Amino acid sequence: MKLCVRKFFTIRKMLSFFLLLSIAYASWCCYYKIKYWGFTTSPKEVTDIWTIEAKISFKALKGDVSVDLSLPTNKDNFEILSEEIIADGYAVSHDKNNNKVTFKGENKKGKQNLYYRLNIYDDFQKEFSGVLEPQKIKRPILAEEEKAQMNKIWELAELQKGDKVQRAIKTVNQEMANPSMSLVLPLKHTAKEYAEKMIQILAYKRIPSRIVRAVKLEEGKKTEKPDIMLEAYYDNKWILYDLNTANIGLPKNWIVFQRGGVSLLDVHGGEDSKVMFSVLKSVATPLKMAEYRAKNNKFVVPYEYSVYSLPILEQNTLKWLMIFPLAILVVVIMRNVIGVSTMGTFTPMLVAMALVKTGLVSGLVCFSVMIFLGLLMRAMVARLNLLLVPRISFVVIFVILLIQVLTVVGYRLNYEIISSAIFFPIIITAWIIERASITWEEEGARNTLKEIFNTLITALITYVVISSEYVRHIMFAFNEFNLVILFIVMLLGTYTGYRLTELMRFAPLVNNKE
């Protein structure tokens, strides 16, 4: 019985089970960050931030002034990032229930300018949540001629395609030039008059509807009036319609500034009032916007306890640390699966990290020069028969002096290859020189050059993996993958079979046996 239990709970099976759990956990975290925090797999993707400025202008009559401006809400496919109000000498109050801001001033006279600035960003996870069951409306009271015209419109609407509201809009647009339509809508009319008449036409069939004012998000756009659309309660939901085309839905890069209501701007104590909208676009990285999205989406994972809430300096440090496990995995595969021997266990990884900082060509040239000169000096010191610690100390000091000389020469000659020496780890470089010297003495020049070559090959493979900007971004943004790498490394640690180089090494014995 104990043997069966022990056989069932082997180390490899346990590690495989935890690996599957880590993969499931990392997959869920990636889905969570992409859906709720707005993370992306590309480091070059950005989030659009739109600044909409409403400039309110009017002429104040001598006395007190009150100004009401209708505001958008977080109910459509956008989120409010911040608000800013510039109104010198005015008391400002927000009425969140009615979605408006009120400016009140005393003893105002002459031209007045008030500014309301809104910063928003896209949030396509949200949908408008309007009133599900609007109040039932009564049919409008019409004269006989108007009633006859209404019936004719709805008869012609049956010939159109689309839902009831679309058919009515298309019919009115087509019959606009018909003289008999003047009973319903004058030939010269404003967009607001047209929308109000459509509300009346839909009310004739007891379909609730309301005016919607929208602003197009276009770089450098300036407009005195927002565009007017129609929203009708049809098929148990609110649907937005374009009054010109009868298309359904809010077009891309549009924002609804007001739903319902008689007017966008109300000014008491002033005249010649108008509101002008200006639009400005800026961008931000998904990591920067994640904090705002996390605040607006109160879910399981608290953003304030994540690494992304740290200051930028700490984040940049951790960004490099997060790539270390992937580099370690490459070294483990090269040593334990392929069977490549290197100068030190993680020396190739550190060399690869240095190559990322210096650049591939300049880093390799600088590294080769340092190793060559270091080996030359180490061979000269070997004749002095120094003890181990002083000998290694000499190599370390020599590497420091060499880096200093190369850096100064590179700076004076404006030669980047030489100045790249400063990025190489001093102790690791000294250890490679010392290890190569000992190997040269004990195993000969061939094995020494072979280990140096293997170290460079492993470093180059590691460099190719970690130098990718996309890989570094993914390992930082979705750092749960490091947990997966942890169990992969542990599983590779249970492998006791032949390495690839050993298969090639023992191939002659197998052939002789056959």
Protein backbone atom coordinates (compact mmCIF):
# COMPACT_ATOMS: atom_id res chain seq x y z
CA MET A 1 0.00 0.00 0.00
CA LYS A 2 2.77 2.45 0.92
CA LEU A 3 4.57 1.53 -2.30
CA CYS A 4 1.45 2.31 -4.36
CA VAL A 5 0.94 5.65 -2.62
CA ARG A 6 4.61 6.51 -3.02
CA LYS A 7 4.46 5.52 -6.69
CA PHE A 8 1.37 7.66 -7.21
CA PHE A 9 2.79 10.72 -5.44
CA THR A 10 6.12 10.89 -7.24
CA ILE A 11 8.04 14.16 -7.33
CA ARG A 12 7.65 14.43 -11.09
CA LYS A 13 3.87 13.95 -10.95
CA MET A 14 3.54 16.45 -8.12
CA LEU A 15 5.58 19.01 -10.03
CA SER A 16 3.54 18.37 -13.18
CA PHE A 17 0.35 18.95 -11.21
CA PHE A 18 1.65 22.25 -9.82
CA LEU A 19 2.81 23.24 -13.30
CA LEU A 20 -0.72 22.79 -14.64
CA LEU A 21 -2.07 24.82 -11.72
CA SER A 22 0.42 27.61 -12.42
CA ILE A 23 -0.53 27.63 -16.11
CA ALA A 24 -4.22 27.90 -15.19
CA TYR A 25 -3.50 30.68 -12.69
CA ALA A 26 -1.32 32.62 -15.16
CA SER A 27 -3.98 32.27 -17.88
CA TRP A 28 -6.68 33.63 -15.56
CA CYS A 29 -4.47 36.55 -14.51
CA CYS A 30 -3.72 37.41 -18.13
CA TYR A 31 -7.43 37.34 -18.99
CA TYR A 32 -8.21 39.50 -15.94
CA LYS A 33 -5.55 42.10 -16.74
CA ILE A 34 -6.57 42.34 -20.40
CA LYS A 35 -10.31 42.54 -19.72
CA TYR A 36 -10.46 44.74 -16.62
CA TRP A 37 -7.14 46.59 -16.54
CA GLY A 38 -6.76 47.11 -20.29
CA PHE A 39 -3.33 45.45 -20.59
CA THR A 40 -2.09 44.55 -24.07
CA THR A 41 0.47 42.10 -25.42
CA SER A 42 2.19 44.83 -27.40
CA PRO A 43 4.39 47.46 -25.71
CA LYS A 44 3.63 49.95 -28.50
CA GLU A 45 -0.15 50.04 -28.11
CA VAL A 46 -1.54 53.14 -26.46
CA THR A 47 -4.86 54.32 -25.05
CA ASP A 48 -6.50 57.39 -26.52
CA ILE A 49 -7.32 60.15 -24.05
CA TRP A 50 -9.73 62.78 -25.33
CA THR A 51 -10.00 66.26 -23.86
CA ILE A 52 -13.36 67.90 -24.56
CA GLU A 53 -13.60 71.55 -23.67
CA ALA A 54 -16.94 73.36 -23.51
CA LYS A 55 -16.54 77.14 -23.72
CA ILE A 56 -19.66 78.95 -22.51
CA SER A 57 -20.00 82.53 -23.77
CA PHE A 58 -22.79 84.99 -22.97
CA LYS A 59 -23.45 88.62 -22.20
CA ALA A 60 -24.41 89.13 -18.57
CA LEU A 61 -27.11 91.63 -17.75
CA LYS A 62 -26.23 93.67 -14.70
CA GLY A 63 -27.09 91.44 -11.75
CA ASP A 64 -26.89 87.81 -10.62
CA VAL A 65 -26.21 85.06 -13.17
CA SER A 66 -26.99 81.33 -13.11
CA VAL A 67 -25.72 78.95 -15.80
CA ASP A 68 -26.66 75.25 -16.13
CA LEU A 69 -24.62 72.96 -18.44
CA SER A 70 -25.69 69.37 -19.04
CA LEU A 71 -22.89 66.79 -18.61
CA PRO A 72 -22.18 63.28 -19.88
CA THR A 73 -22.06 60.32 -17.49
CA ASN A 74 -20.11 57.08 -17.20
CA LYS A 75 -22.85 55.13 -18.91
CA ASP A 76 -21.53 54.81 -22.43
CA ASN A 77 -18.37 53.26 -23.85
CA PHE A 78 -16.07 55.72 -22.10
CA GLU A 79 -14.87 56.59 -18.62
CA ILE A 80 -14.31 60.03 -17.13
CA LEU A 81 -10.65 60.45 -16.23
CA SER A 82 -10.77 63.95 -14.77
CA GLU A 83 -12.76 67.19 -14.85
CA GLU A 84 -11.57 70.79 -14.74
CA ILE A 85 -13.62 73.97 -14.42
CA ILE A 86 -12.36 77.51 -15.04
CA ALA A 87 -14.87 80.07 -13.81
CA ASP A 88 -13.35 83.02 -11.99
CA GLY A 89 -15.78 84.71 -9.63
CA TYR A 90 -18.39 81.96 -9.92
CA ALA A 91 -19.56 79.39 -7.39
CA VAL A 92 -19.65 75.93 -8.99
CA SER A 93 -21.82 73.00 -7.93
CA HIS A 94 -22.42 69.54 -9.40
CA ASP A 95 -25.88 68.02 -9.59
CA LYS A 96 -25.09 64.34 -10.15
CA ASN A 97 -28.75 63.31 -10.07
CA ASN A 98 -29.57 65.53 -13.07
CA ASN A 99 -26.08 65.28 -14.64
CA LYS A 100 -25.37 68.99 -14.83
CA VAL A 101 -23.00 71.61 -13.47
CA THR A 102 -24.25 74.97 -12.22
CA PHE A 103 -22.32 78.26 -12.23
CA LYS A 104 -23.60 81.09 -10.02
CA GLY A 105 -22.19 84.62 -10.02
CA GLU A 106 -23.19 87.90 -8.41
CA ASN A 107 -23.16 91.39 -9.93
CA LYS A 108 -21.95 90.28 -13.37
CA LYS A 109 -22.00 92.55 -16.37
CA GLY A 110 -20.74 92.33 -19.95
CA LYS A 111 -19.08 89.45 -21.83
CA GLN A 112 -18.56 86.29 -19.75
CA ASN A 113 -16.53 83.16 -20.58
CA LEU A 114 -16.77 79.92 -18.59
CA TYR A 115 -14.85 76.72 -19.31
CA TYR A 116 -15.64 73.10 -18.54
CA ARG A 117 -12.94 70.59 -19.49
CA LEU A 118 -13.46 66.83 -19.51
CA ASN A 119 -10.81 64.12 -19.98
CA ILE A 120 -12.18 60.74 -21.02
CA TYR A 121 -10.81 57.43 -22.25
CA ASP A 122 -12.39 54.49 -24.00
CA ASP A 123 -13.81 51.62 -21.99
CA PHE A 124 -15.38 49.19 -24.42
CA GLN A 125 -16.34 46.76 -21.68
CA LYS A 126 -19.21 49.02 -20.64
CA GLU A 127 -22.57 49.46 -22.28
CA PHE A 128 -25.20 52.11 -21.73
CA SER A 129 -27.52 51.22 -18.88
CA GLY A 130 -30.55 53.40 -19.44
CA VAL A 131 -33.95 53.24 -17.82
CA LEU A 132 -35.28 49.79 -18.62
CA GLU A 133 -38.96 50.67 -18.39
CA PRO A 134 -39.73 54.28 -19.32
CA GLN A 135 -43.07 55.73 -18.43
CA LYS A 136 -45.87 55.01 -20.85
CA ILE A 137 -46.54 57.91 -23.16
CA LYS A 138 -49.85 59.18 -24.49
CA ARG A 139 -50.58 59.71 -28.15
CA PRO A 140 -50.29 63.40 -29.12
CA ILE A 141 -53.49 65.32 -29.74
CA LEU A 142 -53.50 66.28 -33.43
CA ALA A 143 -55.76 68.05 -35.87
CA GLU A 144 -57.49 65.97 -38.53
CA GLU A 145 -55.04 66.99 -41.27
CA GLU A 146 -52.04 66.21 -39.08
CA LYS A 147 -53.55 62.89 -38.05
CA ALA A 148 -54.07 61.99 -41.71
CA GLN A 149 -50.44 62.88 -42.45
CA MET A 150 -49.27 60.73 -39.52
CA ASN A 151 -51.24 57.75 -40.80
CA LYS A 152 -49.79 58.26 -44.28
CA ILE A 153 -46.23 58.33 -42.89
CA TRP A 154 -46.72 55.04 -41.06
CA GLU A 155 -48.38 53.48 -44.14
CA LEU A 156 -45.36 54.42 -46.26
CA ALA A 157 -43.05 53.22 -43.48
CA GLU A 158 -44.32 49.68 -43.97
CA LEU A 159 -42.57 49.66 -47.37
CA GLN A 160 -39.16 50.43 -45.83
CA LYS A 161 -36.63 48.02 -44.34
CA GLY A 162 -35.50 47.90 -40.73
CA ASP A 163 -37.32 48.18 -37.42
CA LYS A 164 -40.26 50.52 -36.81
CA VAL A 165 -38.10 53.49 -35.85
CA GLN A 166 -35.76 53.07 -38.81
CA ARG A 167 -38.68 52.81 -41.21
CA ALA A 168 -40.22 56.01 -39.83
CA ILE A 169 -36.93 57.95 -40.14
CA LYS A 170 -36.36 56.76 -43.70
CA THR A 171 -39.90 57.67 -44.70
CA VAL A 172 -39.68 61.19 -43.29
CA ASN A 173 -36.32 61.73 -45.01
CA GLN A 174 -37.71 60.59 -48.37
CA GLU A 175 -40.94 62.59 -48.09
CA MET A 176 -39.20 65.77 -46.92
CA ALA A 177 -39.63 67.49 -50.32
CA ASN A 178 -43.30 66.57 -50.48
CA PRO A 179 -45.41 69.77 -49.98
CA SER A 180 -47.90 67.86 -47.83
CA MET A 181 -45.11 67.19 -45.31
CA SER A 182 -45.14 70.86 -44.34
CA LEU A 183 -48.08 70.05 -42.10
CA VAL A 184 -45.77 67.81 -40.09
CA LEU A 185 -42.39 69.47 -40.59
CA PRO A 186 -41.48 72.79 -42.29
CA LEU A 187 -39.17 72.62 -45.29
CA LYS A 188 -36.63 74.82 -43.47
CA HIS A 189 -36.09 73.37 -40.04
CA THR A 190 -33.32 72.85 -37.52
CA ALA A 191 -31.95 69.50 -36.37
CA LYS A 192 -33.62 69.99 -33.01
CA GLU A 193 -37.03 70.67 -34.65
CA TYR A 194 -36.59 67.56 -36.78
CA ALA A 195 -35.77 65.44 -33.70
CA GLU A 196 -38.75 66.84 -31.79
CA LYS A 197 -41.05 66.04 -34.70
CA MET A 198 -39.70 62.48 -34.89
CA ILE A 199 -40.42 62.13 -31.17
CA GLN A 200 -44.00 63.15 -31.90
CA ILE A 201 -44.26 60.72 -34.83
CA LEU A 202 -42.98 57.85 -32.67
CA ALA A 203 -45.25 58.88 -29.82
CA TYR A 204 -48.18 58.44 -32.24
CA LYS A 205 -47.32 54.73 -32.10
CA ARG A 206 -46.58 54.95 -28.36
CA ILE A 207 -42.82 54.46 -28.83
CA PRO A 208 -40.87 56.44 -26.15
CA SER A 209 -37.98 58.48 -27.54
CA ARG A 210 -35.73 61.39 -26.60
CA ILE A 211 -33.15 63.76 -28.01
CA VAL A 212 -29.46 62.84 -27.70
CA ARG A 213 -26.68 65.39 -28.18
CA ALA A 214 -23.33 63.94 -29.25
CA VAL A 215 -19.87 65.31 -30.02
CA LYS A 216 -17.48 63.71 -32.49
CA LEU A 217 -14.03 62.92 -31.08
CA GLU A 218 -11.87 64.38 -33.81
CA GLU A 219 -8.45 65.96 -33.34
CA GLY A 220 -8.69 69.75 -33.45
CA LYS A 221 -12.46 69.72 -33.91
CA LYS A 222 -14.37 72.90 -32.99
CA THR A 223 -18.13 73.16 -33.17
CA GLU A 224 -20.73 75.52 -31.76
CA LYS A 225 -23.43 72.87 -31.54
CA PRO A 226 -23.27 69.16 -30.78
CA ASP A 227 -24.88 66.81 -33.26
CA ILE A 228 -28.43 65.73 -32.48
CA MET A 229 -29.45 62.08 -32.61
CA LEU A 230 -32.54 60.17 -31.54
CA GLU A 231 -32.81 57.45 -28.91
CA ALA A 232 -35.95 55.31 -28.85
CA TYR A 233 -37.11 52.61 -26.46
CA TYR A 234 -37.81 49.72 -28.82
CA ASP A 235 -37.77 45.99 -28.30
CA ASN A 236 -37.33 46.46 -24.52
CA LYS A 237 -34.10 48.47 -24.80
CA TRP A 238 -32.85 51.94 -25.64
CA ILE A 239 -31.49 52.17 -29.19
CA LEU A 240 -29.64 55.12 -30.69
CA TYR A 241 -30.50 56.21 -34.25
CA ASP A 242 -28.84 58.54 -36.73
CA LEU A 243 -31.51 60.95 -38.00
CA ASN A 244 -29.78 61.35 -41.37
CA THR A 245 -29.14 57.70 -42.24
CA ALA A 246 -31.37 55.78 -39.77
CA ASN A 247 -28.32 53.72 -38.80
CA ILE A 248 -28.38 52.09 -35.38
CA GLY A 249 -25.76 52.72 -32.71
CA LEU A 250 -23.29 55.41 -31.80
CA PRO A 251 -20.65 55.84 -34.52
CA LYS A 252 -17.02 55.23 -33.65
CA ASN A 253 -15.24 58.06 -31.81
CA TRP A 254 -18.42 59.82 -30.73
CA ILE A 255 -19.44 60.73 -27.20
CA VAL A 256 -22.96 61.31 -25.94
CA PHE A 257 -22.94 64.60 -24.06
CA GLN A 258 -26.61 64.74 -23.08
CA ARG A 259 -29.61 62.43 -23.06
CA GLY A 260 -33.07 63.90 -22.96
CA GLY A 261 -33.63 67.33 -21.51
CA VAL A 262 -34.97 70.42 -23.20
CA SER A 263 -31.66 72.21 -23.70
CA LEU A 264 -27.92 71.69 -23.33
CA LEU A 265 -27.28 75.14 -21.85
CA ASP A 266 -29.55 77.33 -19.71
CA VAL A 267 -28.48 80.88 -18.81
CA HIS A 268 -30.45 83.03 -16.37
CA GLY A 269 -29.46 86.67 -16.12
CA GLY A 270 -27.71 86.78 -19.49
CA GLU A 271 -28.30 86.86 -23.25
CA ASP A 272 -26.64 85.77 -26.53
CA SER A 273 -25.47 82.56 -24.87
CA LYS A 274 -23.70 79.80 -26.77
CA VAL A 275 -21.44 76.87 -26.03
CA MET A 276 -18.51 75.90 -28.27
CA PHE A 277 -16.85 72.48 -28.08
CA SER A 278 -13.15 71.84 -28.77
CA VAL A 279 -11.57 68.38 -28.90
CA LEU A 280 -7.92 67.48 -28.25
CA LYS A 281 -6.36 64.02 -28.37
CA SER A 282 -3.47 62.61 -26.32
CA VAL A 283 -2.22 59.09 -25.60
CA ALA A 284 -1.15 57.04 -22.58
CA THR A 285 0.31 53.58 -22.13
CA PRO A 286 -1.97 50.73 -20.97
CA LEU A 287 0.12 50.34 -17.79
CA LYS A 288 -0.50 53.98 -16.94
CA MET A 289 -4.23 53.68 -17.62
CA ALA A 290 -4.56 50.42 -15.69
CA GLU A 291 -4.77 52.31 -12.39
CA TYR A 292 -7.78 54.33 -13.56
CA ARG A 293 -9.50 51.25 -14.98
CA ALA A 294 -8.87 49.33 -11.77
CA LYS A 295 -10.48 52.10 -9.70
CA ASN A 296 -13.58 52.02 -11.89
CA ASN A 297 -13.79 48.21 -11.82
CA LYS A 298 -13.91 46.99 -8.23
CA PHE A 299 -13.09 43.33 -8.72
CA VAL A 300 -11.19 40.61 -6.92
CA VAL A 301 -7.59 41.66 -7.54
CA PRO A 302 -6.61 44.90 -5.73
CA TYR A 303 -4.51 47.08 -8.02
CA GLU A 304 -2.86 49.02 -5.19
CA TYR A 305 -1.01 45.84 -4.07
CA SER A 306 0.42 45.12 -7.52
CA VAL A 307 3.88 46.08 -8.80
CA TYR A 308 2.26 48.51 -11.26
CA SER A 309 1.29 50.86 -8.44
CA LEU A 310 4.94 51.41 -7.51
CA PRO A 311 6.90 54.52 -8.56
CA ILE A 312 8.43 54.50 -12.05
CA LEU A 313 11.98 54.01 -10.73
CA GLU A 314 11.02 50.82 -8.88
CA GLN A 315 8.98 49.60 -11.85
CA ASN A 316 11.96 49.99 -14.20
CA THR A 317 14.12 47.98 -11.80
CA LEU A 318 11.53 45.22 -11.50
CA LYS A 319 11.06 45.19 -15.28
CA TRP A 320 14.62 43.89 -15.61
CA LEU A 321 14.25 41.46 -12.71
CA MET A 322 11.12 39.96 -14.29
CA ILE A 323 13.14 38.89 -17.35
CA PHE A 324 15.71 36.99 -15.25
CA PRO A 325 13.62 33.79 -14.84
CA LEU A 326 13.27 33.48 -18.63
CA ALA A 327 17.02 33.90 -19.06
CA ILE A 328 17.59 31.30 -16.31
CA LEU A 329 15.28 28.88 -18.14
CA VAL A 330 17.38 29.21 -21.30
CA VAL A 331 20.56 28.45 -19.31
CA VAL A 332 18.94 25.41 -17.64
CA ILE A 333 17.85 24.02 -21.02
CA MET A 334 21.29 24.58 -22.52
CA ARG A 335 23.07 22.89 -19.61
CA ASN A 336 20.69 20.12 -18.47
CA VAL A 337 18.92 19.20 -21.71
CA ILE A 338 21.45 19.98 -24.44
CA GLY A 339 24.48 19.41 -22.20
CA VAL A 340 26.57 22.50 -22.96
CA SER A 341 29.34 23.29 -20.45
CA THR A 342 29.92 26.97 -19.73
CA MET A 343 32.22 29.16 -17.66
CA GLY A 344 30.06 29.28 -14.54
CA THR A 345 26.39 28.40 -14.16
CA PHE A 346 24.71 31.76 -14.80
CA THR A 347 27.59 33.57 -16.44
CA PRO A 348 25.94 33.40 -19.91
CA MET A 349 22.80 35.01 -18.50
CA LEU A 350 24.74 37.93 -17.01
CA VAL A 351 26.73 38.37 -20.22
CA ALA A 352 23.47 38.40 -22.19
CA MET A 353 22.04 41.07 -19.89
CA ALA A 354 25.16 43.15 -20.50
CA LEU A 355 24.81 42.67 -24.28
CA VAL A 356 21.27 44.04 -24.09
CA LYS A 357 22.66 47.23 -22.54
CA THR A 358 25.67 47.57 -24.86
CA GLY A 359 24.30 46.28 -28.14
CA LEU A 360 25.25 42.96 -29.74
CA VAL A 361 28.23 43.88 -31.95
CA SER A 362 29.79 46.47 -29.65
CA GLY A 363 29.27 44.22 -26.63
CA LEU A 364 30.89 41.18 -28.26
CA VAL A 365 33.90 43.18 -29.44
CA CYS A 366 34.37 44.75 -26.02
CA PHE A 367 33.91 41.44 -24.20
CA SER A 368 36.45 39.70 -26.47
CA VAL A 369 39.03 42.45 -25.92
CA MET A 370 38.60 42.30 -22.14
CA ILE A 371 38.88 38.48 -22.01
CA PHE A 372 41.94 38.44 -24.29
CA LEU A 373 43.84 41.11 -22.34
CA GLY A 374 42.75 39.56 -19.05
CA LEU A 375 44.04 36.12 -20.03
CA LEU A 376 47.31 37.65 -21.19
CA MET A 377 47.84 39.41 -17.84
CA ARG A 378 46.73 36.32 -15.92
CA ALA A 379 49.35 34.23 -17.72
CA MET A 380 52.08 36.72 -16.76
CA VAL A 381 51.00 36.74 -13.08
CA ALA A 382 50.92 32.92 -12.95
CA ARG A 383 54.74 32.91 -12.86
CA LEU A 384 54.70 34.77 -9.53
CA ASN A 385 52.97 31.82 -7.79
CA LEU A 386 50.55 34.02 -5.85
CA LEU A 387 47.95 32.59 -3.50
CA LEU A 388 44.35 32.13 -4.72
CA VAL A 389 42.68 35.17 -3.13
CA PRO A 390 45.41 37.70 -4.02
CA ARG A 391 45.54 36.26 -7.56
CA ILE A 392 41.79 36.67 -8.10
CA SER A 393 41.96 40.11 -6.50
CA PHE A 394 44.63 41.08 -9.01
CA VAL A 395 42.38 40.00 -11.88
CA VAL A 396 39.42 41.98 -10.48
CA ILE A 397 41.52 45.13 -10.05
CA PHE A 398 42.99 44.70 -13.52
CA VAL A 399 39.47 44.40 -15.02
CA ILE A 400 38.41 47.59 -13.22
CA LEU A 401 41.44 49.47 -14.54
CA LEU A 402 40.84 48.04 -18.02
CA ILE A 403 37.21 49.19 -17.98
CA GLN A 404 38.34 52.64 -16.83
CA VAL A 405 40.87 52.94 -19.67
CA LEU A 406 38.47 51.65 -22.32
CA THR A 407 35.72 54.00 -21.14
CA VAL A 408 37.97 57.08 -21.25
CA VAL A 409 39.42 56.16 -24.66
CA GLY A 410 35.95 55.43 -26.00
CA TYR A 411 34.63 58.77 -24.78
CA ARG A 412 37.52 60.74 -26.28
CA LEU A 413 37.34 58.93 -29.62
CA ASN A 414 33.52 58.90 -29.59
CA TYR A 415 33.73 55.14 -30.11
CA GLU A 416 30.78 53.32 -28.58
CA ILE A 417 32.31 49.86 -28.82
CA ILE A 418 35.03 50.75 -26.32
CA SER A 419 32.80 52.72 -23.98
CA SER A 420 30.45 49.73 -23.72
CA ALA A 421 32.90 48.05 -21.34
CA ILE A 422 31.37 49.83 -18.36
CA PHE A 423 28.18 47.72 -18.62
CA PHE A 424 29.89 44.35 -18.13
CA PRO A 425 29.80 42.87 -14.58
CA ILE A 426 33.28 43.29 -13.12
CA ILE A 427 33.31 40.24 -10.85
CA ILE A 428 31.85 37.95 -13.53
CA THR A 429 34.41 39.12 -16.08
CA ALA A 430 37.23 38.56 -13.59
CA TRP A 431 35.87 35.11 -12.73
CA ILE A 432 35.72 34.11 -16.41
CA ILE A 433 39.35 35.14 -16.81
CA GLU A 434 40.43 33.22 -13.69
CA ARG A 435 38.37 30.14 -14.60
CA ALA A 436 39.69 30.15 -18.17
CA SER A 437 43.28 30.40 -16.90
CA ILE A 438 42.86 27.42 -14.55
CA THR A 439 41.14 25.35 -17.25
CA TRP A 440 43.97 26.24 -19.64
CA GLU A 441 46.55 24.98 -17.16
CA GLU A 442 44.66 21.80 -16.18
CA GLU A 443 42.81 20.74 -19.35
CA GLY A 444 44.60 22.54 -22.14
CA ALA A 445 43.81 25.31 -24.58
CA ARG A 446 41.24 23.29 -26.56
CA ASN A 447 38.85 22.75 -23.63
CA THR A 448 39.29 26.36 -22.52
CA LEU A 449 38.38 27.76 -25.92
CA LYS A 450 35.48 25.29 -26.12
CA GLU A 451 34.01 26.48 -22.80
CA ILE A 452 34.43 30.14 -23.77
CA PHE A 453 32.74 29.41 -27.10
CA ASN A 454 29.86 27.57 -25.36
CA THR A 455 29.47 30.46 -22.94
CA LEU A 456 29.19 32.94 -25.81
CA ILE A 457 26.73 30.73 -27.72
CA THR A 458 24.53 30.36 -24.64
CA ALA A 459 24.77 34.10 -24.00
CA LEU A 460 23.80 34.84 -27.62
CA ILE A 461 20.74 32.56 -27.45
CA THR A 462 19.73 34.17 -24.16
CA TYR A 463 20.29 37.60 -25.69
CA VAL A 464 17.99 36.80 -28.63
CA VAL A 465 15.24 35.81 -26.19
CA ILE A 466 15.47 38.69 -23.71
CA SER A 467 16.39 41.50 -26.13
CA SER A 468 12.91 41.49 -27.64
CA GLU A 469 10.91 44.47 -26.43
CA TYR A 470 7.72 42.41 -26.74
CA VAL A 471 9.12 39.61 -24.54
CA ARG A 472 10.24 42.07 -21.85
CA HIS A 473 6.84 43.77 -21.92
CA ILE A 474 4.93 40.47 -21.61
CA MET A 475 7.13 39.21 -18.77
CA PHE A 476 6.52 42.44 -16.83
CA ALA A 477 2.87 43.01 -17.66
CA PHE A 478 2.00 39.32 -17.14
CA ASN A 479 4.59 38.41 -14.52
CA GLU A 480 2.57 35.36 -13.46
CA PHE A 481 4.45 33.50 -16.21
CA ASN A 482 7.46 33.46 -13.88
CA LEU A 483 5.55 31.03 -11.66
CA VAL A 484 5.14 28.74 -14.67
CA ILE A 485 8.86 29.03 -15.43
CA LEU A 486 9.62 28.11 -11.80
CA PHE A 487 7.87 24.73 -12.08
CA ILE A 488 9.30 24.09 -15.55
CA VAL A 489 12.81 24.55 -14.12
CA MET A 490 11.98 22.21 -11.23
CA LEU A 491 10.62 19.60 -13.65
CA LEU A 492 13.79 19.83 -15.72
CA GLY A 493 15.67 19.20 -12.49
CA THR A 494 14.10 15.72 -12.28
CA TYR A 495 15.39 14.76 -15.74
CA THR A 496 18.08 12.06 -15.39
CA GLY A 497 18.34 10.87 -18.99
CA TYR A 498 21.02 11.49 -21.59
CA ARG A 499 21.68 15.00 -22.75
CA LEU A 500 21.79 15.74 -26.48
CA THR A 501 25.56 16.13 -26.51
CA GLU A 502 25.90 12.82 -24.63
CA LEU A 503 23.83 11.05 -27.26
CA MET A 504 26.30 12.25 -29.88
CA ARG A 505 29.20 11.33 -27.60
CA PHE A 506 28.09 7.72 -27.02
CA ALA A 507 26.79 7.14 -30.55
CA PRO A 508 29.98 5.19 -31.61
CA LEU A 509 29.48 2.72 -28.73
CA VAL A 510 25.92 2.03 -29.83
CA ASN A 511 27.06 1.46 -33.42
CA ASN A 512 29.81 -0.96 -32.30
CA LYS A 513 27.34 -2.94 -30.19
CA GLU A 514 25.02 -3.30 -33.16
